[in-house]
N, C-alpha and C. Protein backbone atom coordinates (compact mmCIF):
# COMPACT_ATOMS: atom_id res chain seq x y z
N MET A 1 0.82 -1.22 0.00
CA MET A 1 -0.02 0.01 0.01
C MET A 1 0.87 1.30 -0.03
N SER A 2 2.03 1.16 0.71
CA SER A 2 2.94 2.36 0.70
C SER A 2 3.38 2.71 -0.67
N TRP A 3 3.66 1.74 -1.52
CA TRP A 3 3.98 2.02 -2.93
C TRP A 3 2.93 2.74 -3.65
N ILE A 4 1.61 2.34 -3.48
CA ILE A 4 0.57 3.07 -4.22
C ILE A 4 0.41 4.44 -3.72
N PHE A 5 0.63 4.71 -2.36
CA PHE A 5 0.58 6.04 -1.88
C PHE A 5 1.64 6.85 -2.45
N GLN A 6 2.79 6.24 -2.60
CA GLN A 6 3.92 7.00 -3.14
C GLN A 6 3.76 7.29 -4.61
N ILE A 7 3.17 6.41 -5.28
CA ILE A 7 2.86 6.71 -6.69
C ILE A 7 1.89 7.87 -6.86
N VAL A 8 0.88 7.90 -6.09
CA VAL A 8 -0.11 8.95 -6.12
C VAL A 8 0.59 10.34 -5.81
N GLU A 9 1.39 10.37 -4.78
CA GLU A 9 2.06 11.63 -4.39
C GLU A 9 3.06 12.05 -5.43
N ASN A 10 3.85 11.09 -5.93
CA ASN A 10 4.80 11.58 -6.86
C ASN A 10 4.19 11.98 -8.23
N ALA A 11 3.13 11.21 -8.56
CA ALA A 11 2.55 11.60 -9.85
C ALA A 11 1.99 13.05 -9.81
N LEU A 12 1.31 13.42 -8.71
CA LEU A 12 0.74 14.70 -8.57
C LEU A 12 1.83 15.77 -8.45
N GLU A 13 2.87 15.54 -7.66
CA GLU A 13 4.02 16.42 -7.54
C GLU A 13 4.67 16.60 -8.87
N GLU A 14 4.94 15.54 -9.64
CA GLU A 14 5.59 15.66 -10.94
C GLU A 14 4.82 16.35 -11.93
N GLU A 15 3.51 16.19 -11.89
CA GLU A 15 2.63 16.89 -12.80
C GLU A 15 2.77 18.46 -12.62
N GLY A 16 2.80 18.87 -11.36
CA GLY A 16 3.02 20.31 -10.97
C GLY A 16 4.39 20.67 -11.47
N LEU A 17 5.41 19.89 -11.38
CA LEU A 17 6.73 20.24 -11.75
C LEU A 17 6.79 20.42 -13.30
N ILE A 18 6.19 19.50 -13.99
CA ILE A 18 6.07 19.62 -15.41
C ILE A 18 5.51 20.86 -15.94
N SER A 19 4.51 21.32 -15.18
CA SER A 19 3.89 22.58 -15.57
C SER A 19 4.81 23.72 -15.30
N LEU A 20 5.50 23.82 -14.18
CA LEU A 20 6.46 24.81 -13.92
C LEU A 20 7.58 24.83 -14.93
N ILE A 21 8.07 23.66 -15.29
CA ILE A 21 9.16 23.57 -16.31
C ILE A 21 8.64 24.11 -17.63
N SER A 22 7.52 23.84 -18.02
CA SER A 22 6.98 24.34 -19.36
C SER A 22 6.86 25.84 -19.27
N ARG A 23 6.31 26.40 -18.18
CA ARG A 23 6.14 27.76 -18.03
C ARG A 23 7.53 28.41 -18.01
N ALA A 24 8.54 27.84 -17.56
CA ALA A 24 9.87 28.43 -17.40
C ALA A 24 10.64 28.35 -18.75
N GLU A 25 10.06 27.56 -19.66
CA GLU A 25 10.51 27.36 -20.96
C GLU A 25 11.97 26.70 -20.88
N VAL A 26 12.06 25.73 -19.99
CA VAL A 26 13.33 24.94 -19.81
C VAL A 26 13.06 23.59 -20.38
N LYS A 27 13.96 23.01 -20.94
CA LYS A 27 13.89 21.72 -21.53
C LYS A 27 14.34 20.62 -20.47
N PRO A 28 13.34 19.67 -20.08
CA PRO A 28 13.73 18.65 -19.03
C PRO A 28 14.80 17.69 -19.66
N ASN A 29 15.40 17.04 -18.67
CA ASN A 29 16.46 15.98 -19.10
C ASN A 29 15.70 14.74 -19.54
N SER A 30 15.69 14.52 -20.80
CA SER A 30 14.99 13.32 -21.38
C SER A 30 15.76 12.06 -21.17
N SER A 31 17.06 12.13 -20.86
CA SER A 31 17.80 10.84 -20.64
C SER A 31 17.59 10.25 -19.19
N ALA A 32 16.77 11.05 -18.38
CA ALA A 32 16.57 10.61 -17.06
C ALA A 32 15.34 9.69 -16.85
N GLY A 33 14.93 9.11 -17.99
CA GLY A 33 13.76 8.22 -17.89
C GLY A 33 12.40 8.89 -18.02
N THR A 34 11.41 8.16 -17.68
CA THR A 34 10.12 8.67 -17.71
C THR A 34 9.55 8.87 -16.34
N ASN A 35 9.00 10.09 -16.11
CA ASN A 35 8.50 10.37 -14.65
C ASN A 35 7.18 9.59 -14.45
N ILE A 36 6.91 9.41 -13.29
CA ILE A 36 5.66 8.63 -12.81
C ILE A 36 4.31 9.16 -13.37
N ALA A 37 4.26 10.51 -13.49
CA ALA A 37 3.11 11.27 -14.06
C ALA A 37 2.91 10.74 -15.50
N ASP A 38 4.03 10.81 -16.28
CA ASP A 38 3.86 10.31 -17.61
C ASP A 38 3.62 8.85 -17.81
N VAL A 39 4.17 8.10 -16.92
CA VAL A 39 3.85 6.64 -16.89
C VAL A 39 2.37 6.44 -16.64
N MET A 40 1.83 7.10 -15.71
CA MET A 40 0.36 7.03 -15.44
C MET A 40 -0.46 7.45 -16.60
N LYS A 41 -0.06 8.53 -17.29
CA LYS A 41 -0.81 8.99 -18.42
C LYS A 41 -0.70 7.92 -19.61
N GLN A 42 0.42 7.33 -19.78
CA GLN A 42 0.62 6.39 -20.85
C GLN A 42 -0.13 5.10 -20.59
N LEU A 43 -0.14 4.70 -19.34
CA LEU A 43 -0.86 3.53 -19.04
C LEU A 43 -2.37 3.64 -18.95
N PHE A 44 -2.81 4.76 -18.24
CA PHE A 44 -4.21 4.92 -17.96
C PHE A 44 -4.88 6.08 -18.60
N GLY A 45 -4.19 6.89 -19.31
CA GLY A 45 -4.79 8.14 -19.95
C GLY A 45 -5.74 7.65 -21.02
N ASN A 46 -6.74 8.57 -21.22
CA ASN A 46 -7.79 8.33 -22.16
C ASN A 46 -7.20 8.48 -23.54
N LYS A 47 -7.07 7.51 -24.33
CA LYS A 47 -6.45 7.54 -25.71
C LYS A 47 -7.34 8.38 -26.61
N ASN A 48 -8.69 8.50 -26.37
CA ASN A 48 -9.59 9.12 -27.34
C ASN A 48 -9.65 10.60 -27.18
N ARG A 49 -9.03 11.21 -26.09
CA ARG A 49 -9.09 12.61 -25.97
C ARG A 49 -7.90 13.33 -26.58
N SER A 50 -8.28 13.91 -27.85
CA SER A 50 -7.21 14.51 -28.63
C SER A 50 -6.90 16.04 -28.37
N GLU A 51 -7.94 16.66 -27.71
CA GLU A 51 -7.79 18.11 -27.40
C GLU A 51 -6.69 18.40 -26.37
N LYS A 52 -6.60 17.66 -25.27
CA LYS A 52 -5.52 17.87 -24.33
C LYS A 52 -5.48 16.66 -23.49
N SER A 53 -4.27 16.44 -22.84
CA SER A 53 -4.11 15.29 -22.03
C SER A 53 -4.83 15.52 -20.69
N GLU A 54 -5.18 14.38 -20.10
CA GLU A 54 -5.90 14.51 -18.89
C GLU A 54 -5.00 14.84 -17.70
N SER A 55 -5.55 15.40 -16.67
CA SER A 55 -4.78 15.70 -15.45
C SER A 55 -4.71 14.34 -14.64
N MET A 56 -3.77 14.37 -13.75
CA MET A 56 -3.66 13.22 -12.80
C MET A 56 -4.94 12.95 -12.05
N LEU A 57 -5.59 14.07 -11.58
CA LEU A 57 -6.77 13.92 -10.83
C LEU A 57 -7.85 13.32 -11.61
N GLU A 58 -7.94 13.65 -12.96
CA GLU A 58 -9.00 13.05 -13.83
C GLU A 58 -8.72 11.58 -13.99
N ILE A 59 -7.48 11.18 -14.21
CA ILE A 59 -7.07 9.85 -14.37
C ILE A 59 -7.36 9.07 -13.10
N PHE A 60 -7.03 9.64 -11.90
CA PHE A 60 -7.12 8.96 -10.63
C PHE A 60 -8.61 8.74 -10.35
N SER A 61 -9.43 9.58 -10.83
CA SER A 61 -10.88 9.45 -10.52
C SER A 61 -11.55 8.33 -11.27
N ARG A 62 -10.88 7.71 -12.25
CA ARG A 62 -11.44 6.54 -12.96
C ARG A 62 -10.58 5.32 -12.99
N VAL A 63 -9.40 5.39 -12.27
CA VAL A 63 -8.53 4.28 -12.35
C VAL A 63 -8.48 3.69 -10.83
N SER A 64 -8.70 2.42 -10.72
CA SER A 64 -8.83 1.69 -9.45
C SER A 64 -7.39 1.45 -8.82
N LEU A 65 -7.43 1.36 -7.49
CA LEU A 65 -6.30 1.00 -6.78
C LEU A 65 -5.69 -0.30 -7.35
N PHE A 66 -6.51 -1.28 -7.59
CA PHE A 66 -6.14 -2.57 -8.11
C PHE A 66 -5.39 -2.50 -9.39
N GLU A 67 -5.89 -1.64 -10.34
CA GLU A 67 -5.15 -1.49 -11.54
C GLU A 67 -3.78 -0.91 -11.45
N VAL A 68 -3.61 -0.02 -10.62
CA VAL A 68 -2.37 0.73 -10.34
C VAL A 68 -1.39 -0.32 -9.58
N TYR A 69 -2.07 -1.07 -8.72
CA TYR A 69 -1.15 -2.14 -8.02
C TYR A 69 -0.62 -3.10 -9.05
N GLN A 70 -1.53 -3.61 -9.90
CA GLN A 70 -1.24 -4.71 -10.91
C GLN A 70 -0.18 -4.16 -11.92
N LYS A 71 -0.34 -2.97 -12.42
CA LYS A 71 0.47 -2.49 -13.62
C LYS A 71 1.74 -1.66 -13.20
N VAL A 72 1.65 -1.11 -11.97
CA VAL A 72 2.77 -0.23 -11.66
C VAL A 72 3.41 -0.60 -10.31
N ALA A 73 2.70 -0.50 -9.16
CA ALA A 73 3.31 -0.84 -7.92
C ALA A 73 3.95 -2.19 -7.85
N ARG A 74 3.25 -3.21 -8.41
CA ARG A 74 3.78 -4.53 -8.38
C ARG A 74 5.16 -4.66 -9.06
N VAL A 75 5.33 -3.96 -10.04
CA VAL A 75 6.61 -3.90 -10.77
C VAL A 75 7.75 -3.14 -9.89
N LEU A 76 7.33 -1.92 -9.49
CA LEU A 76 8.29 -1.04 -8.82
C LEU A 76 8.69 -1.62 -7.48
N MET A 77 7.79 -2.31 -6.79
CA MET A 77 8.24 -2.74 -5.38
C MET A 77 9.22 -3.87 -5.48
N HIS A 78 9.64 -4.33 -6.67
CA HIS A 78 10.67 -5.31 -6.75
C HIS A 78 12.09 -4.61 -7.10
N SER A 79 12.03 -3.36 -7.12
CA SER A 79 13.24 -2.54 -7.59
C SER A 79 14.29 -2.48 -6.46
N PRO A 80 14.00 -2.44 -5.16
CA PRO A 80 15.08 -2.41 -4.20
C PRO A 80 15.87 -3.69 -4.21
N ASP A 81 17.14 -3.57 -3.90
CA ASP A 81 17.99 -4.80 -3.77
C ASP A 81 17.53 -5.73 -2.67
N ASN A 82 16.88 -5.26 -1.68
CA ASN A 82 16.45 -6.14 -0.62
C ASN A 82 14.96 -6.41 -0.75
N SER A 83 14.40 -6.28 -1.93
CA SER A 83 12.98 -6.47 -2.09
C SER A 83 12.42 -7.89 -1.62
N LYS A 84 13.28 -8.86 -1.81
CA LYS A 84 12.79 -10.19 -1.47
C LYS A 84 12.59 -10.24 0.16
N ALA A 85 13.49 -9.67 0.88
CA ALA A 85 13.32 -9.66 2.34
C ALA A 85 12.17 -8.76 2.76
N GLU A 86 11.98 -7.61 2.07
CA GLU A 86 10.91 -6.79 2.31
C GLU A 86 9.60 -7.34 2.07
N LEU A 87 9.53 -8.01 0.97
CA LEU A 87 8.18 -8.72 0.55
C LEU A 87 7.84 -9.84 1.47
N CYS A 88 8.79 -10.47 2.12
CA CYS A 88 8.60 -11.58 3.01
C CYS A 88 7.82 -11.13 4.30
N ARG A 89 7.96 -9.80 4.56
CA ARG A 89 7.24 -9.31 5.74
C ARG A 89 5.76 -9.00 5.49
N ASP A 90 5.37 -8.85 4.13
CA ASP A 90 4.00 -8.76 3.81
C ASP A 90 3.29 -10.09 4.12
N SER A 91 2.08 -10.05 4.57
CA SER A 91 1.39 -11.27 4.93
C SER A 91 0.92 -12.01 3.69
N ASP A 92 -0.16 -11.70 3.10
CA ASP A 92 -0.72 -12.49 1.97
C ASP A 92 -1.12 -11.62 0.78
N PRO A 93 -0.31 -11.61 -0.27
CA PRO A 93 -0.61 -10.77 -1.34
C PRO A 93 -2.04 -10.99 -1.99
N GLN A 94 -2.55 -12.16 -1.95
CA GLN A 94 -3.85 -12.39 -2.55
C GLN A 94 -4.88 -11.76 -1.70
N LEU A 95 -4.73 -11.74 -0.36
CA LEU A 95 -5.71 -11.08 0.53
C LEU A 95 -5.64 -9.55 0.22
N PHE A 96 -4.50 -9.07 -0.03
CA PHE A 96 -4.40 -7.64 -0.30
C PHE A 96 -5.12 -7.23 -1.61
N GLU A 97 -4.91 -8.17 -2.63
CA GLU A 97 -5.79 -7.90 -3.90
C GLU A 97 -7.12 -8.05 -3.65
N HIS A 98 -7.64 -8.93 -2.84
CA HIS A 98 -8.99 -8.97 -2.44
C HIS A 98 -9.48 -7.70 -1.89
N LEU A 99 -8.76 -7.11 -0.86
CA LEU A 99 -9.09 -5.88 -0.25
C LEU A 99 -9.16 -4.75 -1.29
N LEU A 100 -8.34 -4.77 -2.31
CA LEU A 100 -8.30 -3.70 -3.34
C LEU A 100 -9.58 -3.88 -4.19
N LEU A 101 -9.98 -5.06 -4.36
CA LEU A 101 -11.19 -5.41 -5.19
C LEU A 101 -12.51 -5.47 -4.55
N GLU A 102 -12.45 -5.19 -3.18
CA GLU A 102 -13.79 -5.12 -2.42
C GLU A 102 -14.73 -4.09 -3.06
N ARG A 103 -15.96 -4.50 -3.25
CA ARG A 103 -16.98 -3.68 -3.87
C ARG A 103 -17.98 -3.35 -2.92
N ASP A 104 -18.43 -1.95 -2.95
CA ASP A 104 -19.45 -1.53 -2.08
C ASP A 104 -20.73 -1.85 -2.91
N GLU A 105 -21.50 -2.85 -2.51
CA GLU A 105 -22.76 -3.32 -3.23
C GLU A 105 -23.77 -2.24 -3.37
N ASN A 106 -23.85 -1.43 -2.32
CA ASN A 106 -24.95 -0.39 -2.54
C ASN A 106 -24.68 0.66 -3.62
N ILE A 107 -23.35 0.95 -3.88
CA ILE A 107 -23.17 1.97 -5.06
C ILE A 107 -22.38 1.34 -6.13
N ASN A 108 -22.21 0.01 -6.08
CA ASN A 108 -21.41 -0.80 -7.04
C ASN A 108 -20.08 -0.05 -7.46
N ASP A 109 -19.20 0.10 -6.36
CA ASP A 109 -18.04 0.87 -6.57
C ASP A 109 -16.83 0.20 -5.86
N ILE A 110 -15.62 0.35 -6.39
CA ILE A 110 -14.46 -0.19 -5.77
C ILE A 110 -13.63 0.96 -5.44
N MET A 111 -12.45 0.79 -4.67
CA MET A 111 -11.57 1.86 -4.28
C MET A 111 -10.79 2.41 -5.55
N MET A 112 -10.87 3.75 -5.71
CA MET A 112 -10.20 4.41 -6.77
C MET A 112 -8.94 5.11 -6.29
N MET A 113 -8.08 5.49 -7.21
CA MET A 113 -6.90 6.22 -6.80
C MET A 113 -7.28 7.60 -6.16
N SER A 114 -8.37 8.11 -6.68
CA SER A 114 -8.78 9.52 -6.07
C SER A 114 -9.19 9.40 -4.59
N ASP A 115 -9.42 8.16 -4.21
CA ASP A 115 -9.93 8.00 -2.87
C ASP A 115 -8.64 8.13 -1.76
N ILE A 116 -7.49 8.21 -2.34
CA ILE A 116 -6.33 8.21 -1.40
C ILE A 116 -5.42 9.39 -1.80
N ILE A 117 -5.90 10.39 -2.53
CA ILE A 117 -5.05 11.56 -2.90
C ILE A 117 -4.70 12.34 -1.59
N PRO A 118 -3.56 13.06 -1.54
CA PRO A 118 -3.22 13.86 -0.44
C PRO A 118 -4.24 14.96 -0.27
N ILE A 119 -4.48 15.41 1.03
CA ILE A 119 -5.41 16.41 1.30
C ILE A 119 -5.08 17.77 0.47
N ASP A 120 -3.84 18.03 0.16
CA ASP A 120 -3.48 19.23 -0.44
C ASP A 120 -4.14 19.34 -1.82
N TYR A 121 -4.60 18.28 -2.42
CA TYR A 121 -5.17 18.34 -3.82
C TYR A 121 -6.64 18.31 -3.71
N MET A 122 -7.28 18.23 -2.57
CA MET A 122 -8.73 18.11 -2.50
C MET A 122 -9.50 19.14 -3.20
N GLU A 123 -9.01 20.47 -3.05
CA GLU A 123 -9.78 21.54 -3.67
C GLU A 123 -9.79 21.50 -5.07
N LYS A 124 -8.79 20.83 -5.81
CA LYS A 124 -8.75 20.68 -7.18
C LYS A 124 -9.56 19.47 -7.73
N LEU A 125 -10.05 18.62 -6.87
CA LEU A 125 -10.83 17.44 -7.26
C LEU A 125 -12.27 17.85 -7.51
N ASP A 126 -12.87 17.12 -8.32
CA ASP A 126 -14.30 17.27 -8.69
C ASP A 126 -15.17 17.29 -7.40
N LYS A 127 -16.10 18.33 -7.38
CA LYS A 127 -16.87 18.48 -6.24
C LYS A 127 -17.79 17.25 -5.82
N ASN A 128 -18.02 16.48 -6.90
CA ASN A 128 -18.83 15.27 -6.61
C ASN A 128 -17.95 14.15 -5.82
N HIS A 129 -16.70 14.34 -5.81
CA HIS A 129 -15.86 13.38 -5.23
C HIS A 129 -15.11 14.10 -4.12
N GLY A 130 -15.74 14.50 -3.10
CA GLY A 130 -15.08 15.33 -2.08
C GLY A 130 -14.48 14.70 -0.83
N HIS A 131 -13.83 13.52 -0.95
CA HIS A 131 -13.28 12.87 0.23
C HIS A 131 -12.02 12.18 -0.10
N THR A 132 -11.21 11.99 0.85
CA THR A 132 -9.94 11.15 0.72
C THR A 132 -9.66 10.40 2.05
N LEU A 133 -9.18 9.27 1.88
CA LEU A 133 -8.94 8.48 3.01
C LEU A 133 -7.60 8.68 3.70
N GLN A 134 -6.79 9.55 3.20
CA GLN A 134 -5.49 9.84 3.67
C GLN A 134 -5.53 10.21 5.19
N PRO A 135 -6.43 10.96 5.68
CA PRO A 135 -6.40 11.20 7.13
C PRO A 135 -6.63 9.92 8.08
N PHE A 136 -7.13 8.93 7.46
CA PHE A 136 -7.39 7.69 8.24
C PHE A 136 -6.33 6.63 8.13
N ILE A 137 -5.28 7.00 7.47
CA ILE A 137 -4.21 5.98 7.31
C ILE A 137 -3.07 6.26 8.31
N PHE A 138 -3.47 6.17 9.58
CA PHE A 138 -2.51 6.36 10.66
C PHE A 138 -1.86 5.10 11.07
N ASN A 139 -2.32 4.00 10.61
CA ASN A 139 -1.77 2.69 11.00
C ASN A 139 -0.53 2.28 10.05
N MET A 140 -0.35 2.99 8.99
CA MET A 140 0.64 2.62 8.06
C MET A 140 2.04 3.17 8.62
N GLN A 141 2.95 2.28 8.73
CA GLN A 141 4.20 2.73 9.32
C GLN A 141 4.99 3.72 8.46
N MET A 142 5.38 4.74 9.10
CA MET A 142 6.07 5.80 8.30
C MET A 142 7.37 5.20 7.71
N TYR A 143 7.92 4.22 8.40
CA TYR A 143 9.19 3.55 7.82
C TYR A 143 8.97 3.10 6.43
N MET A 144 7.75 2.33 6.23
CA MET A 144 7.38 1.79 4.89
C MET A 144 7.21 2.83 3.86
N THR A 145 6.49 3.91 4.22
CA THR A 145 6.23 5.05 3.30
C THR A 145 7.60 5.65 2.95
N GLU A 146 8.45 5.94 3.91
CA GLU A 146 9.74 6.57 3.56
C GLU A 146 10.52 5.65 2.77
N THR A 147 10.62 4.33 3.04
CA THR A 147 11.39 3.44 2.29
C THR A 147 10.89 3.33 0.80
N ALA A 148 9.63 3.34 0.59
CA ALA A 148 9.05 3.38 -0.75
C ALA A 148 9.47 4.64 -1.39
N SER A 149 9.43 5.74 -0.79
CA SER A 149 9.86 6.96 -1.40
C SER A 149 11.29 7.01 -1.76
N LYS A 150 12.15 6.56 -0.84
CA LYS A 150 13.65 6.45 -1.29
C LYS A 150 13.92 5.48 -2.34
N ASN A 151 13.17 4.34 -2.40
CA ASN A 151 13.36 3.42 -3.46
C ASN A 151 12.95 3.96 -4.82
N MET A 152 11.82 4.67 -4.87
CA MET A 152 11.33 5.33 -6.09
C MET A 152 12.32 6.35 -6.66
N GLU A 153 13.02 7.02 -5.67
CA GLU A 153 13.99 8.01 -6.13
C GLU A 153 15.31 7.44 -6.62
N ASN A 154 15.45 6.17 -6.38
CA ASN A 154 16.68 5.48 -6.80
C ASN A 154 16.51 4.60 -8.09
N ILE A 155 15.46 4.78 -8.73
CA ILE A 155 15.26 4.13 -10.05
C ILE A 155 14.94 5.06 -11.11
N VAL A 156 15.21 4.63 -12.37
CA VAL A 156 14.84 5.36 -13.59
C VAL A 156 13.79 4.54 -14.19
N ILE A 157 12.54 5.05 -14.55
CA ILE A 157 11.51 4.32 -15.07
C ILE A 157 11.42 4.51 -16.58
N HIS A 158 11.18 3.46 -17.30
CA HIS A 158 11.02 3.48 -18.74
C HIS A 158 9.65 2.80 -19.12
N THR A 159 8.97 3.25 -20.18
CA THR A 159 7.84 2.51 -20.58
C THR A 159 8.10 1.88 -21.89
N ALA A 160 7.42 0.78 -22.30
CA ALA A 160 7.52 0.18 -23.58
C ALA A 160 6.17 -0.47 -23.82
N ASP A 161 5.94 -0.75 -25.11
CA ASP A 161 4.71 -1.51 -25.50
C ASP A 161 4.93 -2.91 -25.17
N GLY A 162 3.93 -3.51 -24.54
CA GLY A 162 3.92 -4.87 -24.12
C GLY A 162 3.02 -5.64 -25.07
N GLU A 163 2.56 -6.73 -24.56
CA GLU A 163 1.53 -7.52 -25.28
C GLU A 163 0.32 -6.73 -25.64
N ASP A 164 -0.24 -6.83 -26.80
CA ASP A 164 -1.47 -6.15 -27.27
C ASP A 164 -1.20 -4.64 -27.22
N ASN A 165 -0.16 -4.10 -27.29
CA ASN A 165 0.21 -2.65 -27.23
C ASN A 165 -0.18 -2.08 -25.89
N VAL A 166 -0.28 -2.90 -24.88
CA VAL A 166 -0.60 -2.35 -23.61
C VAL A 166 0.72 -1.93 -22.96
N GLY A 167 0.75 -0.75 -22.37
CA GLY A 167 1.97 -0.23 -21.82
C GLY A 167 2.53 -1.05 -20.75
N LYS A 168 3.89 -1.13 -20.73
CA LYS A 168 4.61 -1.98 -19.71
C LYS A 168 5.65 -1.10 -19.13
N ILE A 169 5.93 -1.17 -17.86
CA ILE A 169 6.94 -0.43 -17.35
C ILE A 169 8.12 -1.20 -16.88
N LYS A 170 9.33 -0.58 -17.06
CA LYS A 170 10.60 -1.25 -16.64
C LYS A 170 11.37 -0.25 -15.86
N TYR A 171 12.25 -0.74 -15.06
CA TYR A 171 13.09 0.21 -14.34
C TYR A 171 14.59 -0.20 -14.34
N LYS A 172 15.46 0.75 -14.02
CA LYS A 172 16.81 0.49 -13.91
C LYS A 172 17.31 1.33 -12.71
N HIS A 173 18.25 0.86 -11.97
CA HIS A 173 18.76 1.58 -10.89
C HIS A 173 19.47 2.83 -11.36
N VAL A 174 19.32 3.86 -10.67
CA VAL A 174 19.92 5.17 -11.16
C VAL A 174 21.49 5.01 -11.43
N GLU A 175 22.12 4.37 -10.44
CA GLU A 175 23.57 4.24 -10.59
C GLU A 175 24.02 3.46 -11.93
N LYS A 176 23.12 2.59 -12.23
CA LYS A 176 23.40 1.73 -13.49
C LYS A 176 22.97 2.57 -14.79
N HIS A 177 21.94 3.36 -14.54
CA HIS A 177 21.39 4.13 -15.74
C HIS A 177 22.43 5.19 -16.20
N PHE A 178 23.06 5.84 -15.17
CA PHE A 178 24.01 6.92 -15.55
C PHE A 178 25.46 6.50 -15.60
N GLU A 179 25.72 5.15 -15.42
CA GLU A 179 27.05 4.62 -15.33
C GLU A 179 27.70 4.59 -16.70
N ILE A 180 29.03 5.01 -16.77
CA ILE A 180 29.66 5.01 -17.97
C ILE A 180 30.27 3.51 -18.09
N VAL A 181 29.97 3.00 -19.25
CA VAL A 181 30.40 1.52 -19.42
C VAL A 181 31.74 1.54 -20.28
C-alpha cells in the first residue's frame, strides 16, 4: 500500500513540476527516464481525448487501486536490492488484492486512486468526489512510506509497448542508468 501512496504523491507532484518547467521554458532532461506522471498517463490516460491530455486527478478518478497495483506498484516494489526480504514481511498478497477489489454493493463501486489523494489536492478534485482516506491511514508505518519513497527516487522508469500494445513499465537503478560503461 505504501508504494501506491507514493505513486499518487509522486505523480501529482511531478505533474506540477512539469507545468512549472514548461512555463519556465526549460527543456527537461529526457535521458533521465520517464517520470511517474507520464507513466500513469501512458498506461491509464484516455487515448480518445485528442484536445488535451488528462490531469492526474482526472485519471485517478477513474482508475482503481487494483489497476495501479497490478500494472505499476507490483513492478516497482521489486526494484530495491532487498525487495525479497521486504516482501517476506507482507502477509498474504492475494488477501491484499481481495481488499483492493472489495466492492460496495450499495453503490457498485471499488476503491479508486482518487480515494487516497493527499489532502493538499482536495480543492482541485471534482466537487462530486469530495473525500480522501489519507487522514485515516494512521496505521501505516512511516518507515514503509519513507522506504518506498527512497526506493522510487533510486530508479529510472521507462515505458515500452507490451503484449497487445498495452503499456509496460521497466526500471533501472539510477547508478546503472548513468554509469559509464
